[in-house]
Amino acid sequence: HEKVKEELEEKLINRIKEEYPEHGMLAEESGVSGGDSEYLWIVDPLDGTVNYAHRYPVFCISLALQFHGEVVLGVVYASALQELFEAVKGQGAYLNGVKLQVSEITDLNKAILATGFPYDKATDSDNNLNYFQELAPKINGIRRTGSAAYDLCNVAAGRFNGYWEFKVNRWDIAAGTLIVQEAGGKVTYLPSKKGIGLIAGNRSICDLIHRELVRVNPDLS
């Protein structure tokens, strides 16, 4: 599967460079390239690698375009599910051409949330299990798909009412966060020693998740 990721990333980057040769790139496998362009493509060729390796059909390509430091375009394609999520800054978010809107549920005990756990969960105590334990009894349910990009898109689609995670990378979330925001949702970034921590959902659910995480760790306030 690593070879598949590398080959797919190369194809994506080459295709983008054909159209926009001056643009910069930030890609999971190959890092940063392209100099000082005001445009930066953020590329994750395969989000949900473990799922893909086990033939579980929840994996996706995630592409985002950043202009002067702000993400203005996001595309997430879950090929096995034939789901194409897309958003342009200020123009809404869509799934296969149908406009998206985040859930209107505002009670945490009625909410289904998504989260994920880092690859080093067995060796680093900063592994999200403490936050999971705090939230699990207070909500309707928790789902763990194994793809941060797809989790965010499910929040945008109203399938999940909220999402939180720590230790994710820019390429995991750049497209998905814009899709959530363009679907009327909120994204809150959290202090994180490694990687990025964030919460997503409608404004009420996002704030309630934040409150519960702060109960565990006041430094997240």
Protein backbone atom coordinates (compact mmCIF):
# COMPACT_ATOMS: atom_id res chain seq x y z
CA HIS A 1 0.00 0.00 0.00
CA GLU A 2 2.93 2.38 0.55
CA LYS A 3 3.93 1.95 -3.07
CA VAL A 4 0.34 2.70 -4.10
CA LYS A 5 0.43 5.92 -2.06
CA GLU A 6 3.70 7.00 -3.64
CA GLU A 7 2.52 6.27 -7.17
CA LEU A 8 -0.80 8.01 -6.65
CA GLU A 9 0.85 11.05 -5.11
CA GLU A 10 3.23 11.30 -8.04
CA LYS A 11 0.33 11.16 -10.50
CA LEU A 12 -1.61 13.82 -8.61
CA ILE A 13 1.36 16.15 -8.34
CA ASN A 14 2.29 15.73 -11.99
CA ARG A 15 -1.28 16.43 -13.07
CA ILE A 16 -1.45 19.59 -10.97
CA LYS A 17 1.92 20.75 -12.26
CA GLU A 18 0.72 20.33 -15.84
CA GLU A 19 -1.96 22.94 -15.19
CA TYR A 20 -0.21 25.10 -12.59
CA PRO A 21 3.56 24.72 -12.97
CA GLU A 22 4.36 27.67 -10.70
CA HIS A 23 2.30 26.51 -7.73
CA GLY A 24 3.85 25.07 -4.57
CA MET A 25 3.14 21.61 -3.15
CA LEU A 26 2.87 20.09 0.29
CA ALA A 27 2.40 16.34 -0.02
CA GLU A 28 2.43 13.56 2.55
CA GLU A 29 5.08 11.43 0.89
CA SER A 30 7.29 13.99 -0.86
CA GLY A 31 7.09 17.01 1.45
CA VAL A 32 7.23 20.64 0.32
CA SER A 33 8.24 21.80 -3.15
CA GLY A 34 7.63 24.76 -5.43
CA GLY A 35 9.35 27.67 -3.77
CA ASP A 36 7.59 30.87 -2.76
CA SER A 37 4.38 30.68 -4.80
CA GLU A 38 1.31 32.36 -3.29
CA TYR A 39 -0.54 29.14 -4.13
CA LEU A 40 0.08 25.88 -2.26
CA TRP A 41 -1.56 22.55 -3.04
CA ILE A 42 -1.89 20.25 -0.02
CA VAL A 43 -2.02 16.63 -1.14
CA ASP A 44 -2.92 13.46 0.73
CA PRO A 45 -2.98 10.64 -1.83
CA LEU A 46 -4.50 8.04 0.50
CA ASP A 47 -6.13 9.00 3.79
CA GLY A 48 -7.19 5.81 5.52
CA THR A 49 -4.16 3.74 4.54
CA VAL A 50 -4.82 0.96 7.07
CA ASN A 51 -8.41 0.69 5.82
CA TYR A 52 -7.16 0.38 2.26
CA ALA A 53 -4.64 -2.29 3.25
CA HIS A 54 -7.42 -4.32 4.89
CA ARG A 55 -9.86 -3.78 2.01
CA TYR A 56 -12.20 -1.75 4.22
CA PRO A 57 -13.72 0.75 1.75
CA VAL A 58 -13.30 3.92 3.81
CA PHE A 59 -10.31 5.70 2.31
CA CYS A 60 -9.97 8.79 0.17
CA ILE A 61 -7.86 11.26 -1.75
CA SER A 62 -7.72 14.71 -0.18
CA LEU A 63 -6.67 17.82 -2.10
CA ALA A 64 -6.70 21.40 -0.89
CA LEU A 65 -5.54 24.65 -2.45
CA GLN A 66 -4.18 27.33 -0.18
CA PHE A 67 -3.87 30.97 -1.31
CA HIS A 68 -1.85 33.37 0.85
CA GLY A 69 -2.13 30.94 3.75
CA GLU A 70 -5.90 30.40 3.50
CA VAL A 71 -7.52 27.25 2.14
CA VAL A 72 -9.84 28.28 -0.69
CA LEU A 73 -10.56 24.93 -2.36
CA GLY A 74 -11.09 21.45 -0.92
CA VAL A 75 -11.82 18.13 -2.60
CA VAL A 76 -12.16 14.73 -0.92
CA TYR A 77 -12.89 11.70 -3.08
CA ALA A 78 -13.82 8.38 -1.48
CA SER A 79 -13.43 6.26 -4.58
CA ALA A 80 -14.72 2.94 -3.23
CA LEU A 81 -17.91 4.67 -2.07
CA GLN A 82 -18.21 6.87 -5.16
CA GLU A 83 -18.50 9.99 -2.99
CA LEU A 84 -17.00 13.28 -4.14
CA PHE A 85 -17.02 16.07 -1.58
CA GLU A 86 -15.99 19.55 -2.70
CA ALA A 87 -16.00 23.13 -1.53
CA VAL A 88 -14.83 26.52 -2.75
CA LYS A 89 -14.43 29.32 -0.23
CA GLY A 90 -17.68 31.29 -0.04
CA GLN A 91 -19.58 28.97 -2.42
CA GLY A 92 -20.84 26.16 -0.16
CA ALA A 93 -19.97 22.48 0.12
CA TYR A 94 -21.31 19.64 -2.01
CA LEU A 95 -21.47 15.85 -2.14
CA ASN A 96 -21.87 14.53 -5.69
CA GLY A 97 -23.38 17.89 -6.64
CA VAL A 98 -25.87 18.06 -3.73
CA LYS A 99 -25.38 20.94 -1.29
CA LEU A 100 -24.38 19.99 2.24
CA GLN A 101 -25.45 21.32 5.62
CA VAL A 102 -24.12 20.30 9.03
CA SER A 103 -26.45 18.70 11.56
CA GLU A 104 -28.75 20.90 13.64
CA ILE A 105 -28.54 18.68 16.73
CA THR A 106 -27.42 20.77 19.70
CA ASP A 107 -27.71 18.25 22.57
CA LEU A 108 -24.53 16.31 23.21
CA ASN A 109 -26.44 13.31 24.56
CA LYS A 110 -28.20 12.98 21.19
CA ALA A 111 -25.04 13.36 19.14
CA ILE A 112 -22.99 10.81 17.24
CA LEU A 113 -19.36 11.89 17.21
CA ALA A 114 -16.31 10.67 15.34
CA THR A 115 -12.74 10.55 16.52
CA GLY A 116 -9.46 8.79 15.85
CA PHE A 117 -6.37 7.55 17.63
CA PRO A 118 -2.73 8.17 16.71
CA TYR A 119 -0.37 5.53 15.36
CA ASP A 120 1.74 5.76 18.53
CA LYS A 121 -1.20 5.13 20.86
CA ALA A 122 0.56 2.13 22.43
CA THR A 123 3.76 4.00 23.29
CA ASP A 124 2.63 7.58 24.01
CA SER A 125 0.11 8.32 26.77
CA ASP A 126 -1.06 11.35 24.76
CA ASN A 127 -3.29 9.02 22.75
CA ASN A 128 -6.83 10.49 23.05
CA LEU A 129 -8.07 7.61 25.24
CA ASN A 130 -8.59 9.92 28.22
CA TYR A 131 -10.79 12.25 26.17
CA PHE A 132 -12.64 9.29 24.67
CA GLN A 133 -13.39 7.98 28.16
CA GLU A 134 -14.73 11.39 29.23
CA LEU A 135 -17.03 11.84 26.24
CA ALA A 136 -18.29 8.31 25.60
CA PRO A 137 -20.83 8.17 28.47
CA LYS A 138 -22.25 11.60 27.61
CA ILE A 139 -23.16 11.10 23.96
CA ASN A 140 -25.35 8.89 21.80
CA GLY A 141 -22.45 7.13 20.12
CA ILE A 142 -18.89 7.32 18.82
CA ARG A 143 -17.66 6.18 15.41
CA ARG A 144 -14.07 5.64 14.31
CA THR A 145 -13.70 5.38 10.54
CA GLY A 146 -9.90 5.59 10.30
CA SER A 147 -9.87 8.58 7.95
CA ALA A 148 -9.77 12.14 9.29
CA ALA A 149 -10.68 13.61 5.91
CA TYR A 150 -13.73 11.36 5.58
CA ASP A 151 -14.79 12.06 9.19
CA LEU A 152 -14.81 15.78 8.48
CA CYS A 153 -16.84 15.26 5.31
CA ASN A 154 -19.37 13.22 7.28
CA VAL A 155 -19.70 16.12 9.70
CA ALA A 156 -20.33 18.42 6.74
CA ALA A 157 -22.97 16.01 5.44
CA GLY A 158 -24.76 15.86 8.81
CA ARG A 159 -24.06 12.13 9.20
CA PHE A 160 -21.86 12.83 12.21
CA ASN A 161 -22.81 15.62 14.58
CA GLY A 162 -19.25 16.35 15.61
CA TYR A 163 -15.63 15.22 15.47
CA TRP A 164 -12.46 15.68 17.46
CA GLU A 165 -8.93 14.37 17.06
CA PHE A 166 -5.31 15.09 17.95
CA LYS A 167 -1.98 14.54 16.19
CA VAL A 168 -3.33 14.89 12.67
CA ASN A 169 -1.40 16.49 9.81
CA ARG A 170 -2.26 19.39 7.52
CA TRP A 171 -2.77 17.10 4.55
CA ASP A 172 -5.26 15.02 6.57
CA ILE A 173 -7.59 17.93 7.31
CA ALA A 174 -6.96 20.88 4.98
CA ALA A 175 -9.71 20.00 2.51
CA GLY A 176 -12.11 18.57 5.08
CA THR A 177 -12.07 21.59 7.37
CA LEU A 178 -13.03 23.90 4.50
CA ILE A 179 -15.84 21.51 3.52
CA VAL A 180 -17.17 21.60 7.10
CA GLN A 181 -17.03 25.40 7.24
CA GLU A 182 -18.71 25.79 3.87
CA ALA A 183 -21.47 23.45 5.08
CA GLY A 184 -22.17 25.91 7.91
CA GLY A 185 -20.00 24.25 10.54
CA LYS A 186 -17.33 25.42 12.93
CA VAL A 187 -13.74 24.22 13.34
CA THR A 188 -11.84 24.87 16.57
CA TYR A 189 -8.10 24.22 16.70
CA LEU A 190 -6.60 22.94 19.93
CA PRO A 191 -3.15 23.25 21.47
CA SER A 192 -1.20 20.12 20.55
CA LYS A 193 2.44 19.19 21.23
CA LYS A 194 2.53 16.87 18.23
CA GLY A 195 0.60 17.53 15.04
CA ILE A 196 -2.74 19.33 14.97
CA GLY A 197 -5.67 19.02 17.37
CA LEU A 198 -9.15 20.09 16.30
CA ILE A 199 -12.89 19.89 16.85
CA ALA A 200 -15.57 20.20 14.15
CA GLY A 201 -19.35 20.34 14.16
CA ASN A 202 -22.11 22.89 14.29
CA ARG A 203 -21.32 25.79 16.60
CA SER A 204 -23.18 24.38 19.62
CA ILE A 205 -21.79 20.85 19.40
CA CYS A 206 -18.29 22.13 18.71
CA ASP A 207 -18.40 24.28 21.83
CA LEU A 208 -19.83 21.43 23.95
CA ILE A 209 -17.11 19.01 22.84
CA HIS A 210 -14.53 21.67 23.67
CA ARG A 211 -16.00 22.07 27.15
CA GLU A 212 -15.76 18.33 27.81
CA LEU A 213 -12.17 18.13 26.57
CA VAL A 214 -11.22 21.04 28.82
CA ARG A 215 -12.62 19.09 31.80
CA VAL A 216 -9.90 16.54 31.14
CA ASN A 217 -7.17 19.02 30.26
CA PRO A 218 -7.61 22.69 31.20
CA ASP A 219 -4.70 23.58 28.90
CA LEU A 220 -7.08 23.08 25.95
CA SER A 221 -9.17 26.11 26.95
